[in-house]
C-alpha cells in the first residue's frame, strides 16, 4: 500500500506544482490583435512585451480563478494528509488518512475540471469569434495535465470508489439544504 501512496503523493506533488504554474502564468490563450502578438492569462494580458492587469470583473475569469485557487488549496491539503498517512502517530483516529488525502485530491481534480470547463466554454463560444487567429497556450495545457495528475494521485481504485461515494453524499447534503420551495 505504501508504494501506491508514494506514487500518489508524487503525482499530487507534480500536479500541485503544475496547478500553481498554470494559475499564475499569462499564457492561457494566444492571439493576434491588430497584427501584434498577444497572450492572456487569468490575471494579466500582454500585448507585445507589455503586460496589463485584468481589471475588469468578468464572471468567467472570476469563476476560473476561484476554481483554480480552490483546487490548489485542496491538492496542498491532500499532500499534507498524504504525508501524515506515512507517519505512525494517531492524528486522525476516526478518519482514514489515505482516504482523507484521496478525497482532497478528488475534490481538487473536480475544481480543476470546473475551471477548465468554464474557461474552455467561454473562450470557444465568445472569445474565439472575437479573435480570428487564436489558440490555447501552454498554461492552459498545464492545467489539463495537472487535472490528470491530481486524478491519478488517488492511490487505488478502492479509494477512488470511496471518494466518489463521499462526494456524492456531500453534493446531496449541499443541494438538499439549498433547495427553495416555490409556492
C-alpha atoms as a PDB file:
ATOM      1  CA  UNK A   1       0.000   0.000   0.000  1.00  0.00           C
ATOM      2  CA  UNK A   2       2.837   2.393   0.779  1.00  0.00           C
ATOM      3  CA  UNK A   3       4.139   2.103  -2.792  1.00  0.00           C
ATOM      4  CA  UNK A   4       0.727   3.217  -4.096  1.00  0.00           C
ATOM      5  CA  UNK A   5       0.713   6.081  -1.594  1.00  0.00           C
ATOM      6  CA  UNK A   6       4.209   7.157  -2.625  1.00  0.00           C
ATOM      7  CA  UNK A   7       3.250   7.189  -6.300  1.00  0.00           C
ATOM      8  CA  UNK A   8       0.050   9.024  -5.483  1.00  0.00           C
ATOM      9  CA  UNK A   9       1.934  11.633  -3.481  1.00  0.00           C
ATOM     10  CA  UNK A  10       4.429  12.105  -6.309  1.00  0.00           C
ATOM     11  CA  UNK A  11       1.593  12.626  -8.821  1.00  0.00           C
ATOM     12  CA  UNK A  12      -0.107  15.005  -6.397  1.00  0.00           C
ATOM     13  CA  UNK A  13       3.081  16.995  -5.806  1.00  0.00           C
ATOM     14  CA  UNK A  14       3.804  17.378  -9.526  1.00  0.00           C
ATOM     15  CA  UNK A  15       0.117  18.149 -10.189  1.00  0.00           C
ATOM     16  CA  UNK A  16       0.084  20.827  -7.491  1.00  0.00           C
ATOM     17  CA  UNK A  17       3.212  22.472  -8.901  1.00  0.00           C
ATOM     18  CA  UNK A  18       1.581  22.480 -12.343  1.00  0.00           C
ATOM     19  CA  UNK A  19      -1.606  23.958 -10.856  1.00  0.00           C
ATOM     20  CA  UNK A  20       0.359  26.830  -9.335  1.00  0.00           C
ATOM     21  CA  UNK A  21       2.252  27.459 -12.581  1.00  0.00           C
ATOM     22  CA  UNK A  22      -0.904  27.263 -14.710  1.00  0.00           C
ATOM     23  CA  UNK A  23      -2.801  29.601 -12.392  1.00  0.00           C
ATOM     24  CA  UNK A  24      -0.026  32.180 -12.128  1.00  0.00           C
ATOM     25  CA  UNK A  25       1.185  32.407 -15.727  1.00  0.00           C
ATOM     26  CA  UNK A  26      -0.138  34.521 -18.594  1.00  0.00           C
ATOM     27  CA  UNK A  27      -0.309  32.013 -21.423  1.00  0.00           C
ATOM     28  CA  UNK A  28      -3.794  30.522 -21.345  1.00  0.00           C
ATOM     29  CA  UNK A  29      -4.628  31.934 -24.769  1.00  0.00           C
ATOM     30  CA  UNK A  30      -2.573  33.427 -27.615  1.00  0.00           C
ATOM     31  CA  UNK A  31      -3.946  35.585 -30.402  1.00  0.00           C
ATOM     32  CA  UNK A  32      -3.136  38.333 -32.866  1.00  0.00           C
ATOM     33  CA  UNK A  33      -4.627  41.749 -32.215  1.00  0.00           C
ATOM     34  CA  UNK A  34      -4.131  44.423 -34.890  1.00  0.00           C
ATOM     35  CA  UNK A  35      -1.228  42.429 -36.287  1.00  0.00           C
ATOM     36  CA  UNK A  36       0.573  42.249 -32.931  1.00  0.00           C
ATOM     37  CA  UNK A  37       1.112  39.064 -30.942  1.00  0.00           C
ATOM     38  CA  UNK A  38      -0.838  38.966 -27.664  1.00  0.00           C
ATOM     39  CA  UNK A  39      -1.481  36.453 -24.906  1.00  0.00           C
ATOM     40  CA  UNK A  40      -3.559  36.365 -21.759  1.00  0.00           C
ATOM     41  CA  UNK A  41      -3.837  34.501 -18.511  1.00  0.00           C
ATOM     42  CA  UNK A  42      -6.222  34.620 -15.597  1.00  0.00           C
ATOM     43  CA  UNK A  43      -4.640  37.716 -14.061  1.00  0.00           C
ATOM     44  CA  UNK A  44      -2.968  39.667 -16.890  1.00  0.00           C
ATOM     45  CA  UNK A  45      -2.991  40.139 -20.640  1.00  0.00           C
ATOM     46  CA  UNK A  46       0.054  41.058 -22.665  1.00  0.00           C
ATOM     47  CA  UNK A  47       0.312  42.969 -25.933  1.00  0.00           C
ATOM     48  CA  UNK A  48       3.751  42.586 -27.418  1.00  0.00           C
ATOM     49  CA  UNK A  49       6.135  42.768 -24.479  1.00  0.00           C
ATOM     50  CA  UNK A  50       3.936  44.947 -22.263  1.00  0.00           C
ATOM     51  CA  UNK A  51       1.558  43.317 -19.764  1.00  0.00           C
ATOM     52  CA  UNK A  52      -1.511  44.788 -18.064  1.00  0.00           C
ATOM     53  CA  UNK A  53      -3.628  43.594 -15.147  1.00  0.00           C
ATOM     54  CA  UNK A  54      -7.091  42.231 -15.889  1.00  0.00           C
ATOM     55  CA  UNK A  55      -9.039  44.924 -14.051  1.00  0.00           C
ATOM     56  CA  UNK A  56     -12.451  44.034 -15.418  1.00  0.00           C
ATOM     57  CA  UNK A  57     -14.572  41.841 -13.177  1.00  0.00           C
ATOM     58  CA  UNK A  58     -15.794  39.268 -15.668  1.00  0.00           C
ATOM     59  CA  UNK A  59     -17.692  36.323 -14.217  1.00  0.00           C
ATOM     60  CA  UNK A  60     -15.967  33.540 -16.116  1.00  0.00           C
ATOM     61  CA  UNK A  61     -12.491  34.828 -15.212  1.00  0.00           C
ATOM     62  CA  UNK A  62     -13.504  35.119 -11.578  1.00  0.00           C
ATOM     63  CA  UNK A  63     -15.003  31.613 -11.620  1.00  0.00           C
ATOM     64  CA  UNK A  64     -11.932  30.139 -13.307  1.00  0.00           C
ATOM     65  CA  UNK A  65      -9.602  31.913 -10.869  1.00  0.00           C
ATOM     66  CA  UNK A  66     -11.618  30.776  -7.850  1.00  0.00           C
ATOM     67  CA  UNK A  67     -11.788  27.156  -9.000  1.00  0.00           C
ATOM     68  CA  UNK A  68      -8.050  27.065  -9.749  1.00  0.00           C
ATOM     69  CA  UNK A  69      -7.183  28.537  -6.342  1.00  0.00           C
ATOM     70  CA  UNK A  70      -9.545  26.138  -4.546  1.00  0.00           C
ATOM     71  CA  UNK A  71      -8.051  23.249  -6.496  1.00  0.00           C
ATOM     72  CA  UNK A  72      -4.529  24.233  -5.489  1.00  0.00           C
ATOM     73  CA  UNK A  73      -5.554  24.530  -1.829  1.00  0.00           C
ATOM     74  CA  UNK A  74      -7.284  21.129  -1.865  1.00  0.00           C
ATOM     75  CA  UNK A  75      -4.282  19.488  -3.530  1.00  0.00           C
ATOM     76  CA  UNK A  76      -1.941  21.052  -0.958  1.00  0.00           C
ATOM     77  CA  UNK A  77      -4.113  19.797   1.909  1.00  0.00           C
ATOM     78  CA  UNK A  78      -4.196  16.383   0.256  1.00  0.00           C
ATOM     79  CA  UNK A  79      -0.400  16.310   0.128  1.00  0.00           C
ATOM     80  CA  UNK A  80      -0.209  17.217   3.820  1.00  0.00           C
ATOM     81  CA  UNK A  81      -2.699  14.467   4.678  1.00  0.00           C
ATOM     82  CA  UNK A  82      -0.814  12.026   2.457  1.00  0.00           C
ATOM     83  CA  UNK A  83       2.463  12.780   4.215  1.00  0.00           C
ATOM     84  CA  UNK A  84       0.719  12.348   7.577  1.00  0.00           C
ATOM     85  CA  UNK A  85      -0.523   8.954   6.362  1.00  0.00           C
ATOM     86  CA  UNK A  86       3.082   7.755   6.374  1.00  0.00           C
ATOM     87  CA  UNK A  87       3.526   8.871   9.992  1.00  0.00           C
ATOM     88  CA  UNK A  88       2.667   6.332  12.655  1.00  0.00           C
ATOM     89  CA  UNK A  89       1.047   8.831  15.004  1.00  0.00           C
ATOM     90  CA  UNK A  90      -2.690   8.696  15.575  1.00  0.00           C
ATOM     91  CA  UNK A  91      -3.563  12.205  14.434  1.00  0.00           C
ATOM     92  CA  UNK A  92      -6.748  11.043  12.755  1.00  0.00           C
ATOM     93  CA  UNK A  93      -8.166   8.088  14.650  1.00  0.00           C
ATOM     94  CA  UNK A  94     -11.670   8.074  13.234  1.00  0.00           C
ATOM     95  CA  UNK A  95     -10.879   9.039   9.656  1.00  0.00           C
ATOM     96  CA  UNK A  96      -8.533   7.124   7.393  1.00  0.00           C
ATOM     97  CA  UNK A  97      -5.591   9.344   6.477  1.00  0.00           C
ATOM     98  CA  UNK A  98      -5.089   7.878   2.993  1.00  0.00           C
ATOM     99  CA  UNK A  99      -8.817   8.197   2.331  1.00  0.00           C
ATOM    100  CA  UNK A 100      -8.764  11.820   3.531  1.00  0.00           C
ATOM    101  CA  UNK A 101      -5.903  12.573   1.146  1.00  0.00           C
ATOM    102  CA  UNK A 102      -7.699  10.796  -1.695  1.00  0.00           C
ATOM    103  CA  UNK A 103     -10.849  12.830  -1.051  1.00  0.00           C
ATOM    104  CA  UNK A 104      -8.868  16.081  -1.179  1.00  0.00           C
ATOM    105  CA  UNK A 105      -7.172  15.030  -4.440  1.00  0.00           C
ATOM    106  CA  UNK A 106     -10.549  14.095  -5.936  1.00  0.00           C
ATOM    107  CA  UNK A 107     -12.071  17.440  -4.935  1.00  0.00           C
ATOM    108  CA  UNK A 108      -9.003  19.189  -6.360  1.00  0.00           C
ATOM    109  CA  UNK A 109      -9.461  17.365  -9.664  1.00  0.00           C
ATOM    110  CA  UNK A 110     -13.148  18.341  -9.671  1.00  0.00           C
ATOM    111  CA  UNK A 111     -12.280  22.028  -9.165  1.00  0.00           C
ATOM    112  CA  UNK A 112      -9.679  21.948 -11.965  1.00  0.00           C
ATOM    113  CA  UNK A 113     -12.215  20.307 -14.261  1.00  0.00           C
ATOM    114  CA  UNK A 114     -14.770  23.011 -13.462  1.00  0.00           C
ATOM    115  CA  UNK A 115     -12.218  25.797 -14.034  1.00  0.00           C
ATOM    116  CA  UNK A 116     -11.106  24.395 -17.366  1.00  0.00           C
ATOM    117  CA  UNK A 117     -14.672  23.693 -18.485  1.00  0.00           C
ATOM    118  CA  UNK A 118     -15.761  27.266 -17.745  1.00  0.00           C
ATOM    119  CA  UNK A 119     -12.707  28.767 -19.440  1.00  0.00           C
ATOM    120  CA  UNK A 120     -12.954  26.473 -22.465  1.00  0.00           C
ATOM    121  CA  UNK A 121     -16.659  27.075 -22.973  1.00  0.00           C
ATOM    122  CA  UNK A 122     -16.448  30.851 -22.827  1.00  0.00           C
ATOM    123  CA  UNK A 123     -13.249  31.041 -24.849  1.00  0.00           C
ATOM    124  CA  UNK A 124     -14.590  28.921 -27.690  1.00  0.00           C
ATOM    125  CA  UNK A 125     -18.052  30.460 -27.804  1.00  0.00           C
ATOM    126  CA  UNK A 126     -17.196  34.138 -27.250  1.00  0.00           C
ATOM    127  CA  UNK A 127     -13.512  34.982 -27.482  1.00  0.00           C
ATOM    128  CA  UNK A 128     -12.881  32.537 -30.312  1.00  0.00           C
ATOM    129  CA  UNK A 129     -15.232  34.517 -32.527  1.00  0.00           C
ATOM    130  CA  UNK A 130     -13.817  37.849 -31.403  1.00  0.00           C
ATOM    131  CA  UNK A 131     -10.208  36.941 -32.174  1.00  0.00           C
ATOM    132  CA  UNK A 132      -9.968  35.159 -35.505  1.00  0.00           C
ATOM    133  CA  UNK A 133      -6.407  33.839 -35.203  1.00  0.00           C
ATOM    134  CA  UNK A 134      -6.176  32.387 -31.680  1.00  0.00           C
ATOM    135  CA  UNK A 135      -5.212  29.206 -29.836  1.00  0.00           C
ATOM    136  CA  UNK A 136      -4.970  27.814 -26.338  1.00  0.00           C
ATOM    137  CA  UNK A 137      -1.452  28.063 -24.971  1.00  0.00           C
ATOM    138  CA  UNK A 138       0.864  26.219 -22.605  1.00  0.00           C
ATOM    139  CA  UNK A 139      -0.572  27.465 -19.277  1.00  0.00           C
ATOM    140  CA  UNK A 140      -3.958  26.100 -20.293  1.00  0.00           C
ATOM    141  CA  UNK A 141      -2.393  22.786 -21.320  1.00  0.00           C
ATOM    142  CA  UNK A 142      -0.577  22.588 -17.970  1.00  0.00           C
ATOM    143  CA  UNK A 143      -3.994  22.893 -16.321  1.00  0.00           C
ATOM    144  CA  UNK A 144      -5.175  19.773 -18.185  1.00  0.00           C
ATOM    145  CA  UNK A 145      -2.004  17.876 -17.268  1.00  0.00           C
ATOM    146  CA  UNK A 146      -2.486  18.930 -13.631  1.00  0.00           C
ATOM    147  CA  UNK A 147      -6.063  17.618 -13.808  1.00  0.00           C
ATOM    148  CA  UNK A 148      -4.795  14.253 -14.992  1.00  0.00           C
ATOM    149  CA  UNK A 149      -2.107  14.075 -12.299  1.00  0.00           C
ATOM    150  CA  UNK A 150      -4.406  15.089  -9.443  1.00  0.00           C
ATOM    151  CA  UNK A 151      -6.916  12.499 -10.623  1.00  0.00           C
ATOM    152  CA  UNK A 152      -4.184   9.834 -10.800  1.00  0.00           C
ATOM    153  CA  UNK A 153      -2.951  10.776  -7.329  1.00  0.00           C
ATOM    154  CA  UNK A 154      -5.913   8.964  -5.806  1.00  0.00           C
ATOM    155  CA  UNK A 155      -3.971   5.933  -4.620  1.00  0.00           C
ATOM    156  CA  UNK A 156      -6.059   2.978  -5.778  1.00  0.00           C
ATOM    157  CA  UNK A 157      -9.435   2.125  -7.327  1.00  0.00           C
ATOM    158  CA  UNK A 158     -10.960   1.240  -3.945  1.00  0.00           C
ATOM    159  CA  UNK A 159     -10.178   4.694  -2.543  1.00  0.00           C
ATOM    160  CA  UNK A 160     -11.445   6.291  -5.751  1.00  0.00           C
ATOM    161  CA  UNK A 161     -14.775   4.492  -5.337  1.00  0.00           C
ATOM    162  CA  UNK A 162     -14.979   5.610  -1.699  1.00  0.00           C
ATOM    163  CA  UNK A 163     -14.169   9.196  -2.719  1.00  0.00           C
ATOM    164  CA  UNK A 164     -16.919   9.193  -5.318  1.00  0.00           C
ATOM    165  CA  UNK A 165     -19.416   7.978  -2.712  1.00  0.00           C
ATOM    166  CA  UNK A 166     -18.327  10.649  -0.201  1.00  0.00           C
ATOM    167  CA  UNK A 167     -18.532  13.396  -2.846  1.00  0.00           C
ATOM    168  CA  UNK A 168     -21.999  12.219  -3.911  1.00  0.00           C
ATOM    169  CA  UNK A 169     -23.196  12.334  -0.303  1.00  0.00           C
ATOM    170  CA  UNK A 170     -21.744  15.832   0.128  1.00  0.00           C
ATOM    171  CA  UNK A 171     -23.481  17.053  -3.026  1.00  0.00           C
ATOM    172  CA  UNK A 172     -26.794  15.615  -1.840  1.00  0.00           C
ATOM    173  CA  UNK A 173     -26.448  17.328   1.531  1.00  0.00           C
ATOM    174  CA  UNK A 174     -25.465  20.643  -0.071  1.00  0.00           C
ATOM    175  CA  UNK A 175     -28.220  20.636  -2.674  1.00  0.00           C
ATOM    176  CA  UNK A 176     -30.910  19.460  -0.254  1.00  0.00           C
ATOM    177  CA  UNK A 177     -30.044  22.240   2.180  1.00  0.00           C
ATOM    178  CA  UNK A 178     -30.203  24.884  -0.571  1.00  0.00           C
ATOM    179  CA  UNK A 179     -33.475  23.796  -2.158  1.00  0.00           C
ATOM    180  CA  UNK A 180     -36.084  26.522  -2.233  1.00  0.00           C
ATOM    181  CA  UNK A 181     -39.734  25.662  -2.408  1.00  0.00           C
ATOM    182  CA  UNK A 182     -41.785  27.700  -4.845  1.00  0.00           C
ATOM    183  CA  UNK A 183     -45.339  28.126  -3.657  1.00  0.00           C
END
